[in-house]
Protein backbone atom coordinates (compact mmCIF):
# COMPACT_ATOMS: atom_id res chain seq x y z
CA MET A 1 -1.67 -3.88 -19.48
CA THR A 2 -0.96 -7.50 -20.37
CA PRO A 3 0.22 -10.14 -17.87
CA GLN A 4 3.58 -10.23 -19.65
CA GLN A 5 4.00 -6.46 -19.32
CA PHE A 6 3.17 -6.69 -15.63
CA GLN A 7 5.66 -9.51 -15.17
CA THR A 8 8.32 -7.39 -16.86
CA PHE A 9 7.46 -4.54 -14.51
CA LEU A 10 7.87 -6.85 -11.50
CA GLU A 11 11.23 -8.08 -12.75
CA ARG A 12 12.48 -4.54 -13.30
CA SER A 13 11.22 -3.54 -9.86
CA HIS A 14 13.13 -6.45 -8.37
CA ALA A 15 16.25 -5.15 -10.13
CA LEU A 16 15.60 -1.69 -8.69
CA HIS A 17 15.35 -3.12 -5.19
CA ALA A 18 18.64 -4.96 -5.69
CA ALA A 19 20.26 -1.71 -6.86
CA ILE A 20 18.95 0.08 -3.77
CA GLU A 21 20.36 -2.63 -1.53
CA ASP A 22 23.74 -2.37 -3.24
CA ALA A 23 23.69 1.42 -2.82
CA VAL A 24 22.91 1.51 0.91
CA ALA A 25 24.05 -1.81 2.40
CA ASP A 26 27.65 -0.71 3.00
CA LEU A 27 26.83 2.80 4.20
CA PRO A 28 27.09 2.86 7.99
CA PRO A 29 25.42 5.80 9.72
CA TYR A 30 27.36 8.88 10.68
CA ALA A 31 28.34 8.98 14.35
CA GLY A 32 25.41 9.69 16.66
CA ASN A 33 22.05 8.19 17.53
CA ARG A 34 20.12 10.59 15.29
CA PHE A 35 21.83 9.29 12.17
CA ALA A 36 21.61 5.66 13.25
CA VAL A 37 17.90 5.66 14.06
CA ALA A 38 17.02 7.70 10.95
CA ARG A 39 18.90 5.21 8.79
CA GLN A 40 17.18 2.28 10.48
CA SER A 41 13.78 3.81 9.76
CA GLY A 42 14.77 4.25 6.12
CA LEU A 43 15.80 0.60 5.89
CA LEU A 44 12.48 -0.45 7.43
CA SER A 45 10.61 1.61 4.84
CA ILE A 46 12.49 -0.14 2.04
CA GLU A 47 11.69 -3.50 3.62
CA HIS A 48 7.97 -2.69 3.65
CA GLY A 49 8.11 -1.65 -0.01
CA VAL A 50 9.82 -4.87 -1.08
CA ALA A 51 7.29 -6.89 0.93
CA ALA A 52 4.41 -5.05 -0.76
CA HIS A 53 5.75 -6.12 -4.14
CA ALA A 54 6.07 -9.72 -3.01
CA LEU A 55 2.50 -9.83 -1.73
CA VAL A 56 0.93 -8.22 -4.80
CA ALA A 57 2.96 -10.49 -7.09
CA ALA A 58 1.62 -13.49 -5.14
CA ASN A 59 -1.99 -12.28 -5.67
CA PHE A 60 -2.33 -10.90 -2.14
CA ALA A 61 -3.12 -7.40 -3.37
CA ALA A 62 -5.08 -6.13 -0.35
CA PRO A 63 -2.39 -6.81 2.29
CA GLY A 64 0.27 -5.69 -0.17
CA ILE A 65 -1.42 -2.33 -0.74
CA THR A 66 -2.03 -1.99 3.00
CA LEU A 67 1.74 -2.10 3.57
CA LEU A 68 2.18 1.12 1.58
CA ARG A 69 0.74 3.06 4.51
CA THR A 70 3.34 1.56 6.85
CA GLN A 71 6.03 2.11 4.23
CA PHE A 72 5.14 5.79 3.96
CA GLU A 73 4.81 6.38 7.70
CA THR A 74 8.15 4.70 8.35
CA LEU A 75 9.81 6.86 5.69
CA VAL A 76 8.35 10.04 7.17
CA ARG A 77 9.42 8.86 10.63
CA GLY A 78 13.00 8.50 9.41
CA ILE A 79 13.01 11.94 7.79
CA TRP A 80 11.48 13.46 10.94
CA LEU A 81 14.16 11.78 13.04
CA MET A 82 16.83 13.15 10.73
CA TYR A 83 15.62 16.75 10.61
CA ALA A 84 12.98 17.65 13.20
CA ALA A 85 12.92 15.26 16.18
CA THR A 86 14.13 16.64 19.50
CA ASP A 87 17.14 15.08 21.20
CA SER A 88 14.71 13.66 23.75
CA TRP A 89 12.83 11.74 21.07
CA ILE A 90 16.07 10.53 19.52
CA GLU A 91 17.08 9.13 22.88
CA LYS A 92 13.68 7.50 23.48
CA LEU A 93 13.61 5.82 20.07
CA SER A 94 17.24 4.67 20.09
CA VAL A 95 17.26 2.46 23.18
CA PRO A 96 16.85 -1.35 23.22
CA LEU A 97 13.25 -2.56 23.36
CA THR A 98 11.99 -3.11 26.90
CA ALA A 99 8.60 -2.63 28.54
CA ASP A 100 9.75 0.72 29.93
CA ALA A 101 11.16 1.83 26.57
CA ALA A 102 7.94 0.90 24.79
CA GLU A 103 5.94 2.92 27.31
CA SER A 104 8.27 5.90 26.95
CA GLY A 105 8.06 5.89 23.16
CA LYS A 106 4.37 5.20 22.71
CA ASP A 107 3.39 8.87 22.29
CA ALA A 108 5.80 9.61 19.45
CA PRO A 109 4.26 12.06 16.95
CA MET A 110 2.09 10.53 14.26
CA LEU A 111 2.09 11.40 10.57
CA ALA A 112 0.27 14.74 10.58
CA LYS A 113 2.34 16.15 13.42
CA MET A 114 5.61 14.92 11.94
CA LEU A 115 4.82 16.63 8.62
CA THR A 116 3.88 19.81 10.47
CA GLU A 117 7.15 19.77 12.42
CA LEU A 118 9.10 19.10 9.23
CA ASP A 119 7.36 22.06 7.59
CA GLY A 120 8.63 24.25 10.41
CA CYS A 121 12.17 22.91 10.25
CA PRO A 122 14.51 25.35 8.43
CA THR A 123 16.93 22.59 7.35
CA MET A 124 14.24 20.36 5.84
CA PRO A 125 14.62 20.15 2.02
CA ARG A 126 11.48 21.80 0.67
CA ALA A 127 11.30 19.68 -2.49
CA LEU A 128 11.32 16.51 -0.41
CA LEU A 129 8.62 17.86 1.89
CA ALA A 130 6.52 18.72 -1.17
CA GLN A 131 6.88 15.14 -2.43
CA LEU A 132 5.81 13.69 0.92
CA THR A 133 2.83 16.03 1.16
CA ALA A 134 1.74 15.27 -2.41
CA TYR A 135 1.89 11.53 -1.75
CA ARG A 136 -0.14 11.94 1.45
CA ASP A 137 -2.76 14.08 -0.28
CA VAL A 138 -3.23 11.65 -3.19
CA THR A 139 -3.17 8.29 -1.41
CA TRP A 140 -3.98 8.69 2.27
CA LYS A 141 -7.75 8.16 2.23
CA ALA A 142 -7.44 4.99 0.17
CA LEU A 143 -4.57 3.63 2.29
CA ASN A 144 -6.56 4.28 5.46
CA SER A 145 -9.43 2.35 3.90
CA TYR A 146 -7.14 -0.63 3.36
CA ALA A 147 -5.67 -0.39 6.84
CA HIS A 148 -9.11 -0.34 8.45
CA GLY A 149 -11.03 -2.75 6.22
CA GLY A 150 -13.04 -0.02 4.48
CA ILE A 151 -14.80 0.33 1.14
CA HIS A 152 -11.68 0.10 -1.02
CA PRO A 153 -10.58 -3.44 -0.09
CA LEU A 154 -14.17 -4.65 0.29
CA ALA A 155 -15.11 -3.46 -3.21
CA ARG A 156 -11.87 -4.66 -4.79
CA SER A 157 -12.32 -8.11 -3.27
CA VAL A 158 -15.40 -8.39 -5.49
CA SER A 159 -14.35 -6.48 -8.62
CA GLY A 160 -10.71 -7.55 -8.59
CA TYR A 161 -7.44 -5.68 -9.01
CA PRO A 162 -6.62 -4.60 -12.58
CA LEU A 163 -2.99 -5.07 -13.51
CA GLN A 164 -2.69 -1.39 -14.39
CA LEU A 165 -3.81 -0.46 -10.87
CA CYS A 166 -1.35 -2.91 -9.32
CA ARG A 167 1.46 -1.46 -11.42
CA ASP A 168 0.62 2.13 -10.51
CA VAL A 169 0.42 1.31 -6.80
CA LEU A 170 3.75 -0.53 -6.88
CA ARG A 171 5.41 2.28 -8.81
CA ASN A 172 4.54 4.48 -5.85
CA ALA A 173 6.10 1.89 -3.54
CA ASN A 174 9.24 2.06 -5.69
CA ALA A 175 9.30 5.84 -5.35
CA LEU A 176 9.13 5.56 -1.57
CA CYS A 177 11.97 3.02 -1.65
CA ALA A 178 14.06 5.45 -3.69
CA LEU A 179 13.38 8.27 -1.23
CA ALA A 180 14.28 5.97 1.67
CA ALA A 181 17.55 5.17 -0.08
CA GLN A 182 18.28 8.91 -0.26
CA LEU A 183 17.60 9.15 3.47
CA CYS A 184 20.08 6.34 4.15
CA VAL A 185 22.74 8.19 2.16
CA ILE A 186 22.08 11.44 4.04
CA ALA A 187 22.26 9.58 7.37
CA SER A 188 25.63 8.16 6.38
CA GLY A 189 27.16 11.60 5.86
CA ARG A 190 28.75 10.33 2.64
CA LEU A 191 26.91 12.54 0.22
CA GLN A 192 29.15 11.46 -2.68
CA ALA A 193 27.18 8.20 -2.53
CA MET A 194 24.12 10.14 -3.72
CA GLU A 195 25.45 9.83 -7.28
CA ALA A 196 24.56 6.13 -7.22
CA ILE A 197 21.01 7.09 -6.25
CA ARG A 198 20.82 9.62 -9.08
CA ALA A 199 22.07 7.00 -11.52
CA MET A 200 19.47 4.57 -10.21
CA HIS A 201 16.72 7.11 -10.94
CA ARG A 202 17.97 7.42 -14.50
CA ASP A 203 18.30 3.67 -15.01
CA PHE A 204 14.87 2.75 -13.65
CA LEU A 205 12.61 5.45 -15.04
CA ASP A 206 10.36 2.68 -16.37
CA VAL A 207 9.35 1.59 -12.84
CA LEU A 208 9.41 4.96 -11.05
CA PRO A 209 6.80 7.72 -11.22
CA VAL A 210 7.81 11.27 -12.07
CA ILE A 211 8.60 12.91 -8.73
CA GLU A 212 10.71 15.93 -9.69
CA ALA A 213 7.77 18.34 -9.46
CA PRO A 214 5.23 16.80 -7.09
CA GLU A 215 2.94 19.81 -7.08
CA LYS A 216 2.33 19.21 -10.80
CA ASN A 217 2.92 15.48 -10.99
CA PRO A 218 1.58 13.77 -7.85
CA PRO A 219 2.17 10.02 -7.58
CA SER A 220 -0.10 8.09 -9.90
CA GLY A 221 -2.38 5.25 -8.96
CA HIS A 222 -5.38 5.12 -6.65
CA PRO A 223 -5.99 1.81 -4.90
């Protein structure tokens, strides 16, 4: 991959992020704390994905890649809040931040438990769960290495980050942003708005990985 091709990829990704913002910015959540907090988690996931692009584009690849773990966990948190979280957890995670609220919410389920609870939820879309599980299986060890200062960032700090690798990693970030946009639409209750998300997938195939069949086409790229 040439520097010009990578720059074109970044510009197209920026256009994708703008399209996502246009699609979800004016979609208020459906009435109820569950929808509001799920939407907020989706928006946070998108924010992490956009920040990852900005960091990698500015030659801060290690912290940029590290953000993909937070991006993914925040997305799964939002989907868990939408489909599997108990009313008690919705209440705990919907209140204003105080010392007591932070203490009450500190034991919220982490990634593995959230995915397990989603797997047991009859209303959870199975294709979406398959996509989340495929992403976790392909990337999680490497992302943990970045989060904890392991072999991946240490070795890459010496050998460098090939542009092809950066592109593949950021394509995965784009996919997570697109899934978070779908979550925001679901949380709004205005499912007719999903057509804009479908159109976005068609228009930005050049910066999105194939995610229709995750069991056969897991997200590409290994940081």
